[in-house]
Amino acid sequence: MSYQVPKRWSHGDIPVAADMNKYSDSLNAIHDITGDALRGYPSAKLQAGEDENHFFVHRYRWLWYIGSGTLEDADAENETITLSGDTTPKRYDLSSVSWLTVGKLFYVSDCAWCQETEAP
């Protein structure tokens, strides 16, 4: 099936199977286009004044980012990696970071945007 725009619901509407199937069919259509290219989205660090720090649980090989910043061990036990860039997206190969193992918590600070991905 192809993507279908889901119904716009109003207060008091009662969902029926035909309306709900559009959601399932549309998610399947999106998956057919994108495949299993999952992404690891960061969580914002919940401390006042540090809204440009993003926590990750390491899962994928590539870190995409915009701007200049640092990649840091959340435990502060290992060296900080400098990320240099500008206003265009850059990628960093996380497999080159010796202390970064799958499942380890790390954060990226001072980048305008960042995301961990499976594919370069």
Protein backbone atom coordinates (compact mmCIF):
# COMPACT_ATOMS: atom_id res chain seq x y z
CA MET A 1 0.00 0.00 0.00
CA SER A 2 1.02 3.58 -0.38
CA TYR A 3 1.04 6.27 2.26
CA GLN A 4 -2.40 7.70 3.07
CA VAL A 5 -3.05 10.81 5.09
CA PRO A 6 -4.75 9.69 8.31
CA LYS A 7 -8.12 11.07 9.35
CA ARG A 8 -8.15 14.31 11.32
CA TRP A 9 -9.90 13.44 14.54
CA SER A 10 -12.29 15.64 16.48
CA HIS A 11 -13.36 15.37 20.08
CA GLY A 12 -16.00 12.66 20.39
CA ASP A 13 -15.05 10.74 17.23
CA ILE A 14 -15.08 6.99 17.63
CA PRO A 15 -12.25 5.15 15.85
CA VAL A 16 -13.23 2.25 13.64
CA ALA A 17 -10.98 -0.41 12.13
CA ALA A 18 -10.99 1.12 8.65
CA ASP A 19 -9.71 4.45 9.99
CA MET A 20 -7.05 2.83 12.16
CA ASN A 21 -5.80 0.59 9.33
CA LYS A 22 -4.60 3.73 7.53
CA TYR A 23 -2.04 4.21 10.31
CA SER A 24 -0.75 0.65 9.99
CA ASP A 25 -0.66 0.80 6.17
CA SER A 26 1.11 4.16 6.23
CA LEU A 27 3.76 2.96 8.72
CA ASN A 28 4.39 -0.07 6.51
CA ALA A 29 4.71 2.19 3.44
CA ILE A 30 7.22 4.41 5.26
CA HIS A 31 9.20 1.33 6.34
CA ASP A 32 9.24 0.07 2.74
CA ILE A 33 10.85 3.36 1.70
CA THR A 34 13.33 3.80 4.57
CA GLY A 35 14.03 0.16 5.44
CA ASP A 36 15.70 -0.61 8.73
CA ALA A 37 17.89 2.51 8.74
CA LEU A 38 17.28 3.25 12.40
CA ARG A 39 18.64 6.32 14.08
CA GLY A 40 19.70 7.04 17.62
CA TYR A 41 18.20 10.30 18.77
CA PRO A 42 19.80 12.13 21.68
CA SER A 43 18.15 13.21 24.89
CA ALA A 44 18.71 16.74 26.08
CA LYS A 45 20.71 17.10 29.25
CA LEU A 46 18.33 18.20 31.97
CA GLN A 47 20.35 20.91 33.65
CA ALA A 48 19.67 24.62 33.54
CA GLY A 49 21.90 26.54 31.17
CA GLU A 50 23.24 23.47 29.38
CA ASP A 51 20.59 22.96 26.73
CA GLU A 52 23.19 22.30 24.00
CA ASN A 53 24.43 19.05 25.60
CA HIS A 54 22.94 15.82 24.33
CA PHE A 55 23.23 12.40 25.95
CA PHE A 56 23.47 9.21 23.88
CA VAL A 57 23.61 5.53 24.71
CA HIS A 58 26.08 4.33 22.07
CA ARG A 59 24.43 2.03 19.52
CA TYR A 60 25.53 3.00 16.03
CA ARG A 61 28.81 3.67 14.26
CA TRP A 62 28.35 7.18 12.90
CA LEU A 63 27.75 10.49 14.64
CA TRP A 64 26.37 13.25 12.43
CA TYR A 65 26.60 16.78 13.78
CA ILE A 66 26.48 20.45 12.84
CA GLY A 67 28.85 22.96 14.41
CA SER A 68 31.91 22.57 16.59
CA GLY A 69 31.83 20.86 19.94
CA THR A 70 33.08 17.92 21.96
CA LEU A 71 32.28 14.26 22.45
CA GLU A 72 32.72 13.37 26.11
CA ASP A 73 32.62 10.31 28.33
CA ALA A 74 29.67 10.72 30.70
CA ASP A 75 31.84 9.22 33.47
CA ALA A 76 34.60 11.80 32.79
CA GLU A 77 37.18 8.99 32.84
CA ASN A 78 38.43 9.23 29.24
CA GLU A 79 39.79 11.86 26.89
CA THR A 80 37.45 14.37 25.29
CA ILE A 81 37.16 14.26 21.50
CA THR A 82 37.01 17.58 19.63
CA LEU A 83 34.43 17.83 16.86
CA SER A 84 35.21 20.54 14.37
CA GLY A 85 32.71 21.74 11.83
CA ASP A 86 30.64 24.58 10.51
CA THR A 87 27.02 25.01 9.39
CA THR A 88 27.01 21.90 7.18
CA PRO A 89 26.45 18.36 8.50
CA LYS A 90 29.64 16.44 9.29
CA ARG A 91 30.09 12.83 10.34
CA TYR A 92 32.43 11.25 12.83
CA ASP A 93 33.34 7.56 12.92
CA LEU A 94 32.62 6.51 16.51
CA SER A 95 34.45 3.19 16.00
CA SER A 96 37.66 5.23 16.15
CA VAL A 97 37.00 6.16 19.80
CA SER A 98 38.74 3.46 21.86
CA TRP A 99 36.77 4.04 25.07
CA LEU A 100 33.34 4.14 23.42
CA THR A 101 31.76 0.69 23.64
CA VAL A 102 28.23 -0.28 22.68
CA GLY A 103 25.84 0.66 25.49
CA LYS A 104 28.18 3.28 26.99
CA LEU A 105 26.69 6.64 27.89
CA PHE A 106 28.35 9.66 26.29
CA TYR A 107 27.39 13.19 25.45
CA VAL A 108 27.99 15.74 22.74
CA SER A 109 28.21 19.36 23.81
CA ASP A 110 28.07 22.69 21.99
CA CYS A 111 26.92 21.30 18.62
CA ALA A 112 23.82 22.83 17.07
CA TRP A 113 22.51 19.38 16.12
CA CYS A 114 23.70 15.77 16.44
CA GLN A 115 22.45 12.28 15.72
CA GLU A 116 23.90 8.75 15.85
CA THR A 117 23.20 6.59 12.77
CA GLU A 118 23.88 3.10 11.49
CA ALA A 119 24.75 4.11 7.93
CA PRO A 120 27.16 6.83 6.83
